[in-house]
Amino acid sequence: MLPDEILYRYGNFDWVSLLGIWEAVGYASLLVLRQRWLQEEDSRDVQCLESDSRDKEISSRLDMDVQKLETEKLRKGKNKTKGDLDSLKIDYKRLRCSVKAA
């Protein structure tokens, strides 16, 4: 296997030797293509990192929203339970008063 500096993919052709080592014509265009490819690779890496950070941010926002909903649900349940307890206390007092009166 030859290193990437010697062999290079050019268009639809498989591997073309870089003729610059023999100072042949057309080497500069291959270098330009290589530089573009490297820039695209760098931009893809940056895009991947940006999308990862966006995904993490969205995930953390969703987690916060879920926690808020769960907290709200628990508060509603707690308030309903308090209301039921108060209602039971009132019913118990009425029943106790009616037993004393009887």
PDB file of N, CA and C in Angstrom:
ATOM      1  N   MET A   1       0.845  -1.182   0.000  1.00  0.00           N
ATOM      2  CA  MET A   1       0.000   0.000   0.000  1.00  0.00           C
ATOM      3  C   MET A   1       0.886   1.239   0.000  1.00  0.00           C
ATOM      4  N   LEU A   2       0.582   2.176  -0.868  1.00  0.00           N
ATOM      5  CA  LEU A   2       1.373   3.394  -0.969  1.00  0.00           C
ATOM      6  C   LEU A   2       0.715   4.509  -0.167  1.00  0.00           C
ATOM      7  N   PRO A   3       1.484   5.414   0.378  1.00  0.00           N
ATOM      8  CA  PRO A   3       0.903   6.511   1.156  1.00  0.00           C
ATOM      9  C   PRO A   3       0.059   7.445   0.297  1.00  0.00           C
ATOM     10  N   ASP A   4      -0.798   8.227   0.980  1.00  0.00           N
ATOM     11  CA  ASP A   4      -1.717   9.138   0.289  1.00  0.00           C
ATOM     12  C   ASP A   4      -0.993  10.216  -0.505  1.00  0.00           C
ATOM     13  N   GLU A   5       0.240  10.537  -0.153  1.00  0.00           N
ATOM     14  CA  GLU A   5       0.957  11.584  -0.863  1.00  0.00           C
ATOM     15  C   GLU A   5       1.338  11.141  -2.272  1.00  0.00           C
ATOM     16  N   ILE A   6       1.457   9.848  -2.489  1.00  0.00           N
ATOM     17  CA  ILE A   6       1.874   9.357  -3.801  1.00  0.00           C
ATOM     18  C   ILE A   6       0.662   9.071  -4.681  1.00  0.00           C
ATOM     19  N   LEU A   7      -0.371   8.482  -4.110  1.00  0.00           N
ATOM     20  CA  LEU A   7      -1.566   8.145  -4.887  1.00  0.00           C
ATOM     21  C   LEU A   7      -2.710   9.078  -4.515  1.00  0.00           C
ATOM     22  N   TYR A   8      -3.541   9.390  -5.486  1.00  0.00           N
ATOM     23  CA  TYR A   8      -4.622  10.344  -5.258  1.00  0.00           C
ATOM     24  C   TYR A   8      -5.797   9.992  -6.146  1.00  0.00           C
ATOM     25  N   ARG A   9      -7.008  10.124  -5.630  1.00  0.00           N
ATOM     26  CA  ARG A   9      -8.208   9.877  -6.418  1.00  0.00           C
ATOM     27  C   ARG A   9      -8.533  11.143  -7.202  1.00  0.00           C
ATOM     28  N   TYR A  10      -8.742  11.005  -8.514  1.00  0.00           N
ATOM     29  CA  TYR A  10      -8.997  12.157  -9.369  1.00  0.00           C
ATOM     30  C   TYR A  10     -10.241  11.884 -10.197  1.00  0.00           C
ATOM     31  N   GLY A  11     -11.342  12.602  -9.894  1.00  0.00           N
ATOM     32  CA  GLY A  11     -12.585  12.454 -10.647  1.00  0.00           C
ATOM     33  C   GLY A  11     -13.094  11.027 -10.607  1.00  0.00           C
ATOM     34  N   ASN A  12     -13.427  10.486 -11.788  1.00  0.00           N
ATOM     35  CA  ASN A  12     -13.919   9.118 -11.881  1.00  0.00           C
ATOM     36  C   ASN A  12     -12.798   8.091 -11.950  1.00  0.00           C
ATOM     37  N   PHE A  13     -11.568   8.568 -12.079  1.00  0.00           N
ATOM     38  CA  PHE A  13     -10.437   7.649 -12.147  1.00  0.00           C
ATOM     39  C   PHE A  13     -10.118   7.146 -10.748  1.00  0.00           C
ATOM     40  N   ASP A  14      -9.673   5.920 -10.690  1.00  0.00           N
ATOM     41  CA  ASP A  14      -9.333   5.373  -9.380  1.00  0.00           C
ATOM     42  C   ASP A  14      -8.127   6.110  -8.804  1.00  0.00           C
ATOM     43  N   TRP A  15      -6.989   5.528  -8.836  1.00  0.00           N
ATOM     44  CA  TRP A  15      -5.829   6.162  -8.231  1.00  0.00           C
ATOM     45  C   TRP A  15      -4.872   6.636  -9.315  1.00  0.00           C
ATOM     46  N   VAL A  16      -4.496   7.902  -9.218  1.00  0.00           N
ATOM     47  CA  VAL A  16      -3.570   8.517 -10.162  1.00  0.00           C
ATOM     48  C   VAL A  16      -2.337   8.917  -9.368  1.00  0.00           C
ATOM     49  N   SER A  17      -1.185   8.593  -9.864  1.00  0.00           N
ATOM     50  CA  SER A  17       0.020   8.978  -9.125  1.00  0.00           C
ATOM     51  C   SER A  17       0.201  10.486  -9.207  1.00  0.00           C
ATOM     52  N   LEU A  18       0.663  11.069  -8.130  1.00  0.00           N
ATOM     53  CA  LEU A  18       0.931  12.503  -8.128  1.00  0.00           C
ATOM     54  C   LEU A  18       2.212  12.735  -8.908  1.00  0.00           C
ATOM     55  N   LEU A  19       2.056  13.404 -10.012  1.00  0.00           N
ATOM     56  CA  LEU A  19       3.180  13.573 -10.924  1.00  0.00           C
ATOM     57  C   LEU A  19       4.145  14.651 -10.468  1.00  0.00           C
ATOM     58  N   GLY A  20       3.827  15.326  -9.381  1.00  0.00           N
ATOM     59  CA  GLY A  20       4.692  16.384  -8.882  1.00  0.00           C
ATOM     60  C   GLY A  20       6.034  15.877  -8.437  1.00  0.00           C
ATOM     61  N   ILE A  21       6.076  14.634  -8.013  1.00  0.00           N
ATOM     62  CA  ILE A  21       7.378  14.121  -7.595  1.00  0.00           C
ATOM     63  C   ILE A  21       8.305  13.969  -8.785  1.00  0.00           C
ATOM     64  N   TRP A  22       7.712  13.922 -10.015  1.00  0.00           N
ATOM     65  CA  TRP A  22       8.522  13.893 -11.231  1.00  0.00           C
ATOM     66  C   TRP A  22       8.456  15.237 -11.961  1.00  0.00           C
ATOM     67  N   GLU A  23       7.824  16.246 -11.290  1.00  0.00           N
ATOM     68  CA  GLU A  23       7.660  17.594 -11.823  1.00  0.00           C
ATOM     69  C   GLU A  23       6.940  17.589 -13.158  1.00  0.00           C
ATOM     70  N   ALA A  24       5.878  16.827 -13.222  1.00  0.00           N
ATOM     71  CA  ALA A  24       5.089  16.741 -14.450  1.00  0.00           C
ATOM     72  C   ALA A  24       4.015  17.818 -14.451  1.00  0.00           C
ATOM     73  N   VAL A  25       3.422  18.065 -15.614  1.00  0.00           N
ATOM     74  CA  VAL A  25       2.374  19.066 -15.780  1.00  0.00           C
ATOM     75  C   VAL A  25       1.083  18.527 -15.161  1.00  0.00           C
ATOM     76  N   GLY A  26       0.275  19.403 -14.583  1.00  0.00           N
ATOM     77  CA  GLY A  26      -1.012  19.000 -14.023  1.00  0.00           C
ATOM     78  C   GLY A  26      -0.960  18.700 -12.539  1.00  0.00           C
ATOM     79  N   TYR A  27       0.195  18.787 -11.969  1.00  0.00           N
ATOM     80  CA  TYR A  27       0.334  18.498 -10.548  1.00  0.00           C
ATOM     81  C   TYR A  27      -0.372  19.550  -9.702  1.00  0.00           C
ATOM     82  N   ALA A  28      -0.333  20.803 -10.133  1.00  0.00           N
ATOM     83  CA  ALA A  28      -0.943  21.890  -9.369  1.00  0.00           C
ATOM     84  C   ALA A  28      -2.445  21.694  -9.241  1.00  0.00           C
ATOM     85  N   SER A  29      -3.106  21.261 -10.314  1.00  0.00           N
ATOM     86  CA  SER A  29      -4.560  21.057 -10.234  1.00  0.00           C
ATOM     87  C   SER A  29      -4.897  19.942  -9.252  1.00  0.00           C
ATOM     88  N   LEU A  30      -4.071  18.927  -9.194  1.00  0.00           N
ATOM     89  CA  LEU A  30      -4.298  17.866  -8.218  1.00  0.00           C
ATOM     90  C   LEU A  30      -4.110  18.376  -6.794  1.00  0.00           C
ATOM     91  N   LEU A  31      -3.146  19.256  -6.607  1.00  0.00           N
ATOM     92  CA  LEU A  31      -2.949  19.844  -5.281  1.00  0.00           C
ATOM     93  C   LEU A  31      -4.150  20.689  -4.871  1.00  0.00           C
ATOM     94  N   VAL A  32      -4.693  21.443  -5.833  1.00  0.00           N
ATOM     95  CA  VAL A  32      -5.876  22.256  -5.550  1.00  0.00           C
ATOM     96  C   VAL A  32      -7.031  21.356  -5.144  1.00  0.00           C
ATOM     97  N   LEU A  33      -7.234  20.270  -5.876  1.00  0.00           N
ATOM     98  CA  LEU A  33      -8.296  19.325  -5.526  1.00  0.00           C
ATOM     99  C   LEU A  33      -8.073  18.734  -4.139  1.00  0.00           C
ATOM    100  N   ARG A  34      -6.839  18.420  -3.835  1.00  0.00           N
ATOM    101  CA  ARG A  34      -6.520  17.861  -2.518  1.00  0.00           C
ATOM    102  C   ARG A  34      -6.827  18.876  -1.420  1.00  0.00           C
ATOM    103  N   GLN A  35      -6.456  20.141  -1.654  1.00  0.00           N
ATOM    104  CA  GLN A  35      -6.722  21.177  -0.662  1.00  0.00           C
ATOM    105  C   GLN A  35      -8.220  21.366  -0.460  1.00  0.00           C
ATOM    106  N   ARG A  36      -8.985  21.346  -1.543  1.00  0.00           N
ATOM    107  CA  ARG A  36     -10.444  21.465  -1.432  1.00  0.00           C
ATOM    108  C   ARG A  36     -11.011  20.305  -0.632  1.00  0.00           C
ATOM    109  N   TRP A  37     -10.513  19.108  -0.925  1.00  0.00           N
ATOM    110  CA  TRP A  37     -11.000  17.929  -0.211  1.00  0.00           C
ATOM    111  C   TRP A  37     -10.698  18.047   1.276  1.00  0.00           C
ATOM    112  N   LEU A  38      -9.481  18.507   1.605  1.00  0.00           N
ATOM    113  CA  LEU A  38      -9.122  18.678   3.009  1.00  0.00           C
ATOM    114  C   LEU A  38      -9.998  19.731   3.679  1.00  0.00           C
ATOM    115  N   GLN A  39     -10.300  20.821   2.980  1.00  0.00           N
ATOM    116  CA  GLN A  39     -11.174  21.849   3.529  1.00  0.00           C
ATOM    117  C   GLN A  39     -12.576  21.303   3.762  1.00  0.00           C
ATOM    118  N   GLU A  40     -13.068  20.504   2.814  1.00  0.00           N
ATOM    119  CA  GLU A  40     -14.388  19.901   2.981  1.00  0.00           C
ATOM    120  C   GLU A  40     -14.404  18.950   4.169  1.00  0.00           C
ATOM    121  N   GLU A  41     -13.334  18.193   4.333  1.00  0.00           N
ATOM    122  CA  GLU A  41     -13.236  17.290   5.481  1.00  0.00           C
ATOM    123  C   GLU A  41     -13.273  18.084   6.783  1.00  0.00           C
ATOM    124  N   ASP A  42     -12.521  19.189   6.826  1.00  0.00           N
ATOM    125  CA  ASP A  42     -12.507  20.027   8.018  1.00  0.00           C
ATOM    126  C   ASP A  42     -13.889  20.596   8.290  1.00  0.00           C
ATOM    127  N   SER A  43     -14.567  21.068   7.232  1.00  0.00           N
ATOM    128  CA  SER A  43     -15.901  21.640   7.425  1.00  0.00           C
ATOM    129  C   SER A  43     -16.885  20.560   7.864  1.00  0.00           C
ATOM    130  N   ARG A  44     -16.736  19.328   7.358  1.00  0.00           N
ATOM    131  CA  ARG A  44     -17.604  18.231   7.807  1.00  0.00           C
ATOM    132  C   ARG A  44     -17.377  17.940   9.285  1.00  0.00           C
ATOM    133  N   ASP A  45     -16.111  17.968   9.702  1.00  0.00           N
ATOM    134  CA  ASP A  45     -15.809  17.736  11.111  1.00  0.00           C
ATOM    135  C   ASP A  45     -16.446  18.812  11.978  1.00  0.00           C
ATOM    136  N   VAL A  46     -16.339  20.064  11.547  1.00  0.00           N
ATOM    137  CA  VAL A  46     -16.924  21.173  12.299  1.00  0.00           C
ATOM    138  C   VAL A  46     -18.441  21.025  12.345  1.00  0.00           C
ATOM    139  N   GLN A  47     -19.049  20.659  11.226  1.00  0.00           N
ATOM    140  CA  GLN A  47     -20.496  20.474  11.189  1.00  0.00           C
ATOM    141  C   GLN A  47     -20.921  19.355  12.120  1.00  0.00           C
ATOM    142  N   CYS A  48     -20.150  18.284  12.166  1.00  0.00           N
ATOM    143  CA  CYS A  48     -20.465  17.179  13.075  1.00  0.00           C
ATOM    144  C   CYS A  48     -20.399  17.650  14.519  1.00  0.00           C
ATOM    145  N   LEU A  49     -19.367  18.418  14.845  1.00  0.00           N
ATOM    146  CA  LEU A  49     -19.241  18.924  16.205  1.00  0.00           C
ATOM    147  C   LEU A  49     -20.384  19.868  16.543  1.00  0.00           C
ATOM    148  N   GLU A  50     -20.760  20.736  15.582  1.00  0.00           N
ATOM    149  CA  GLU A  50     -21.864  21.661  15.811  1.00  0.00           C
ATOM    150  C   GLU A  50     -23.169  20.904  15.994  1.00  0.00           C
ATOM    151  N   SER A  51     -23.398  19.890  15.164  1.00  0.00           N
ATOM    152  CA  SER A  51     -24.642  19.134  15.289  1.00  0.00           C
ATOM    153  C   SER A  51     -24.666  18.360  16.598  1.00  0.00           C
ATOM    154  N   ASP A  52     -23.505  17.856  17.047  1.00  0.00           N
ATOM    155  CA  ASP A  52     -23.449  17.172  18.335  1.00  0.00           C
ATOM    156  C   ASP A  52     -23.798  18.128  19.464  1.00  0.00           C
ATOM    157  N   SER A  53     -23.254  19.346  19.414  1.00  0.00           N
ATOM    158  CA  SER A  53     -23.548  20.310  20.471  1.00  0.00           C
ATOM    159  C   SER A  53     -25.013  20.727  20.421  1.00  0.00           C
ATOM    160  N   ARG A  54     -25.577  20.873  19.202  1.00  0.00           N
ATOM    161  CA  ARG A  54     -27.002  21.185  19.089  1.00  0.00           C
ATOM    162  C   ARG A  54     -27.848  20.046  19.640  1.00  0.00           C
ATOM    163  N   ASP A  55     -27.462  18.814  19.331  1.00  0.00           N
ATOM    164  CA  ASP A  55     -28.202  17.661  19.836  1.00  0.00           C
ATOM    165  C   ASP A  55     -28.170  17.616  21.355  1.00  0.00           C
ATOM    166  N   LYS A  56     -27.004  17.897  21.933  1.00  0.00           N
ATOM    167  CA  LYS A  56     -26.894  17.899  23.388  1.00  0.00           C
ATOM    168  C   LYS A  56     -27.751  19.005  23.986  1.00  0.00           C
ATOM    169  N   GLU A  57     -27.748  20.174  23.350  1.00  0.00           N
ATOM    170  CA  GLU A  57     -28.541  21.298  23.847  1.00  0.00           C
ATOM    171  C   GLU A  57     -30.029  20.967  23.783  1.00  0.00           C
ATOM    172  N   ILE A  58     -30.466  20.406  22.668  1.00  0.00           N
ATOM    173  CA  ILE A  58     -31.872  20.032  22.517  1.00  0.00           C
ATOM    174  C   ILE A  58     -32.237  18.960  23.526  1.00  0.00           C
ATOM    175  N   SER A  59     -31.349  18.001  23.714  1.00  0.00           N
ATOM    176  CA  SER A  59     -31.593  16.928  24.671  1.00  0.00           C
ATOM    177  C   SER A  59     -31.722  17.480  26.085  1.00  0.00           C
ATOM    178  N   SER A  60     -30.851  18.409  26.452  1.00  0.00           N
ATOM    179  CA  SER A  60     -30.930  18.985  27.796  1.00  0.00           C
ATOM    180  C   SER A  60     -32.205  19.803  27.956  1.00  0.00           C
ATOM    181  N   ARG A  61     -32.628  20.510  26.910  1.00  0.00           N
ATOM    182  CA  ARG A  61     -33.889  21.257  26.981  1.00  0.00           C
ATOM    183  C   ARG A  61     -35.066  20.312  27.149  1.00  0.00           C
ATOM    184  N   LEU A  62     -35.048  19.210  26.404  1.00  0.00           N
ATOM    185  CA  LEU A  62     -36.120  18.229  26.536  1.00  0.00           C
ATOM    186  C   LEU A  62     -36.139  17.630  27.935  1.00  0.00           C
ATOM    187  N   ASP A  63     -34.959  17.345  28.486  1.00  0.00           N
ATOM    188  CA  ASP A  63     -34.882  16.813  29.843  1.00  0.00           C
ATOM    189  C   ASP A  63     -35.469  17.807  30.842  1.00  0.00           C
ATOM    190  N   MET A  64     -35.148  19.092  30.668  1.00  0.00           N
ATOM    191  CA  MET A  64     -35.691  20.106  31.568  1.00  0.00           C
ATOM    192  C   MET A  64     -37.204  20.190  31.431  1.00  0.00           C
ATOM    193  N   ASP A  65     -37.715  20.127  30.195  1.00  0.00           N
ATOM    194  CA  ASP A  65     -39.157  20.171  29.983  1.00  0.00           C
ATOM    195  C   ASP A  65     -39.842  18.980  30.634  1.00  0.00           C
ATOM    196  N   VAL A  66     -39.252  17.803  30.503  1.00  0.00           N
ATOM    197  CA  VAL A  66     -39.822  16.601  31.113  1.00  0.00           C
ATOM    198  C   VAL A  66     -39.823  16.740  32.628  1.00  0.00           C
ATOM    199  N   GLN A  67     -38.737  17.254  33.190  1.00  0.00           N
ATOM    200  CA  GLN A  67     -38.671  17.443  34.636  1.00  0.00           C
ATOM    201  C   GLN A  67     -39.723  18.442  35.105  1.00  0.00           C
ATOM    202  N   LYS A  68     -39.925  19.513  34.340  1.00  0.00           N
ATOM    203  CA  LYS A  68     -40.945  20.497  34.706  1.00  0.00           C
ATOM    204  C   LYS A  68     -42.332  19.869  34.679  1.00  0.00           C
ATOM    205  N   LEU A  69     -42.608  19.076  33.641  1.00  0.00           N
ATOM    206  CA  LEU A  69     -43.909  18.422  33.545  1.00  0.00           C
ATOM    207  C   LEU A  69     -44.120  17.441  34.695  1.00  0.00           C
ATOM    208  N   GLU A  70     -43.087  16.683  35.031  1.00  0.00           N
ATOM    209  CA  GLU A  70     -43.201  15.742  36.143  1.00  0.00           C
ATOM    210  C   GLU A  70     -43.418  16.479  37.456  1.00  0.00           C
ATOM    211  N   THR A  71     -42.711  17.583  37.656  1.00  0.00           N
ATOM    212  CA  THR A  71     -42.872  18.379  38.870  1.00  0.00           C
ATOM    213  C   THR A  71     -44.282  18.941  38.955  1.00  0.00           C
ATOM    214  N   GLU A  72     -44.771  19.459  37.833  1.00  0.00           N
ATOM    215  CA  GLU A  72     -46.132  20.001  37.807  1.00  0.00           C
ATOM    216  C   GLU A  72     -47.155  18.907  38.100  1.00  0.00           C
ATOM    217  N   LYS A  73     -46.949  17.735  37.539  1.00  0.00           N
ATOM    218  CA  LYS A  73     -47.857  16.612  37.767  1.00  0.00           C
ATOM    219  C   LYS A  73     -47.852  16.216  39.246  1.00  0.00           C
ATOM    220  N   LEU A  74     -46.667  16.186  39.862  1.00  0.00           N
ATOM    221  CA  LEU A  74     -46.575  15.849  41.281  1.00  0.00           C
ATOM    222  C   LEU A  74     -47.249  16.911  42.146  1.00  0.00           C
ATOM    223  N   ARG A  75     -47.087  18.181  41.787  1.00  0.00           N
ATOM    224  CA  ARG A  75     -47.744  19.251  42.551  1.00  0.00           C
ATOM    225  C   ARG A  75     -49.257  19.123  42.477  1.00  0.00           C
ATOM    226  N   LYS A  76     -49.764  18.850  41.279  1.00  0.00           N
ATOM    227  CA  LYS A  76     -51.210  18.679  41.130  1.00  0.00           C
ATOM    228  C   LYS A  76     -51.700  17.505  41.964  1.00  0.00           C
ATOM    229  N   GLY A  77     -50.938  16.408  41.933  1.00  0.00           N
ATOM    230  CA  GLY A  77     -51.307  15.240  42.735  1.00  0.00           C
ATOM    231  C   GLY A  77     -51.268  15.548  44.219  1.00  0.00           C
ATOM    232  N   LYS A  78     -50.268  16.309  44.650  1.00  0.00           N
ATOM    233  CA  LYS A  78     -50.150  16.684  46.056  1.00  0.00           C
ATOM    234  C   LYS A  78     -51.325  17.565  46.473  1.00  0.00           C
ATOM    235  N   ASN A  79     -51.673  18.543  45.640  1.00  0.00           N
ATOM    236  CA  ASN A  79     -52.804  19.419  45.948  1.00  0.00           C
ATOM    237  C   ASN A  79     -54.109  18.630  46.006  1.00  0.00           C
ATOM    238  N   LYS A  80     -54.290  17.686  45.096  1.00  0.00           N
ATOM    239  CA  LYS A  80     -55.502  16.863  45.094  1.00  0.00           C
ATOM    240  C   LYS A  80     -55.551  16.008  46.354  1.00  0.00           C
ATOM    241  N   THR A  81     -54.410  15.462  46.752  1.00  0.00           N
ATOM    242  CA  THR A  81     -54.346  14.640  47.960  1.00  0.00           C
ATOM    243  C   THR A  81     -54.663  15.473  49.192  1.00  0.00           C
ATOM    244  N   LYS A  82     -54.140  16.702  49.250  1.00  0.00           N
ATOM    245  CA  LYS A  82     -54.453  17.582  50.379  1.00  0.00           C
ATOM    246  C   LYS A  82     -55.947  17.881  50.432  1.00  0.00           C
ATOM    247  N   GLY A  83     -56.532  18.143  49.253  1.00  0.00           N
ATOM    248  CA  GLY A  83     -57.970  18.402  49.198  1.00  0.00           C
ATOM    249  C   GLY A  83     -58.776  17.193  49.653  1.00  0.00           C
ATOM    250  N   ASP A  84     -58.368  16.012  49.233  1.00  0.00           N
ATOM    251  CA  ASP A  84     -59.057  14.790  49.657  1.00  0.00           C
ATOM    252  C   ASP A  84     -58.921  14.585  51.161  1.00  0.00           C
ATOM    253  N   LEU A  85     -57.742  14.860  51.720  1.00  0.00           N
ATOM    254  CA  LEU A  85     -57.525  14.722  53.156  1.00  0.00           C
ATOM    255  C   LEU A  85     -58.403  15.700  53.927  1.00  0.00           C
ATOM    256  N   ASP A  86     -58.470  16.943  53.469  1.00  0.00           N
ATOM    257  CA  ASP A  86     -59.333  17.928  54.131  1.00  0.00           C
ATOM    258  C   ASP A  86     -60.789  17.480  54.085  1.00  0.00           C
ATOM    259  N   SER A  87     -61.215  16.958  52.945  1.00  0.00           N
ATOM    260  CA  SER A  87     -62.585  16.469  52.805  1.00  0.00           C
ATOM    261  C   SER A  87     -62.844  15.308  53.765  1.00  0.00           C
ATOM    262  N   LEU A  88     -61.896  14.403  53.900  1.00  0.00           N
ATOM    263  CA  LEU A  88     -62.049  13.274  54.825  1.00  0.00           C
ATOM    264  C   LEU A  88     -62.102  13.755  56.272  1.00  0.00           C
ATOM    265  N   LYS A  89     -61.301  14.764  56.625  1.00  0.00           N
ATOM    266  CA  LYS A  89     -61.331  15.306  57.986  1.00  0.00           C
ATOM    267  C   LYS A  89     -62.695  15.898  58.304  1.00  0.00           C
ATOM    268  N   ILE A  90     -63.243  16.643  57.339  1.00  0.00           N
ATOM    269  CA  ILE A  90     -64.567  17.248  57.539  1.00  0.00           C
ATOM    270  C   ILE A  90     -65.618  16.151  57.694  1.00  0.00           C
ATOM    271  N   ASP A  91     -65.578  15.138  56.834  1.00  0.00           N
ATOM    272  CA  ASP A  91     -66.535  14.030  56.926  1.00  0.00           C
ATOM    273  C   ASP A  91     -66.399  13.308  58.263  1.00  0.00           C
ATOM    274  N   TYR A  92     -65.169  13.125  58.742  1.00  0.00           N
ATOM    275  CA  TYR A  92     -64.938  12.450  60.017  1.00  0.00           C
ATOM    276  C   TYR A  92     -65.520  13.267  61.168  1.00  0.00           C
ATOM    277  N   LYS A  93     -65.314  14.598  61.137  1.00  0.00           N
ATOM    278  CA  LYS A  93     -65.857  15.450  62.197  1.00  0.00           C
ATOM    279  C   LYS A  93     -67.375  15.394  62.205  1.00  0.00           C
ATOM    280  N   ARG A  94     -67.994  15.431  61.031  1.00  0.00           N
ATOM    281  CA  ARG A  94     -69.460  15.360  60.948  1.00  0.00           C
ATOM    282  C   ARG A  94     -69.959  14.021  61.486  1.00  0.00           C
ATOM    283  N   LEU A  95     -69.277  12.946  61.107  1.00  0.00           N
ATOM    284  CA  LEU A  95     -69.682  11.621  61.565  1.00  0.00           C
ATOM    285  C   LEU A  95     -69.534  11.518  63.074  1.00  0.00           C
ATOM    286  N   ARG A  96     -68.457  12.058  63.607  1.00  0.00           N
ATOM    287  CA  ARG A  96     -68.217  12.017  65.049  1.00  0.00           C
ATOM    288  C   ARG A  96     -69.280  12.818  65.804  1.00  0.00           C
ATOM    289  N   CYS A  97     -69.636  13.983  65.239  1.00  0.00           N
ATOM    290  CA  CYS A  97     -70.678  14.798  65.871  1.00  0.00           C
ATOM    291  C   CYS A  97     -72.023  14.084  65.827  1.00  0.00           C
ATOM    292  N   SER A  98     -72.305  13.400  64.725  1.00  0.00           N
ATOM    293  CA  SER A  98     -73.588  12.698  64.614  1.00  0.00           C
ATOM    294  C   SER A  98     -73.622  11.490  65.549  1.00  0.00           C
ATOM    295  N   VAL A  99     -72.470  10.857  65.804  1.00  0.00           N
ATOM    296  CA  VAL A  99     -72.428   9.725  66.743  1.00  0.00           C
ATOM    297  C   VAL A  99     -72.626  10.235  68.161  1.00  0.00           C
ATOM    298  N   LYS A 100     -72.057  11.395  68.514  1.00  0.00           N
ATOM    299  CA  LYS A 100     -72.230  11.975  69.846  1.00  0.00           C
ATOM    300  C   LYS A 100     -73.680  12.370  70.069  1.00  0.00           C
ATOM    301  N   ALA A 101     -74.314  12.890  69.025  1.00  0.00           N
ATOM    302  CA  ALA A 101     -75.700  13.346  69.151  1.00  0.00           C
ATOM    303  C   ALA A 101     -76.647  12.155  69.284  1.00  0.00           C
ATOM    304  N   ALA A 102     -76.280  11.025  68.778  1.00  0.00           N
ATOM    305  CA  ALA A 102     -77.181   9.875  68.800  1.00  0.00           C
ATOM    306  C   ALA A 102     -77.129   9.144  70.065  1.00  0.00           C
TER     307      ALA A 102
END
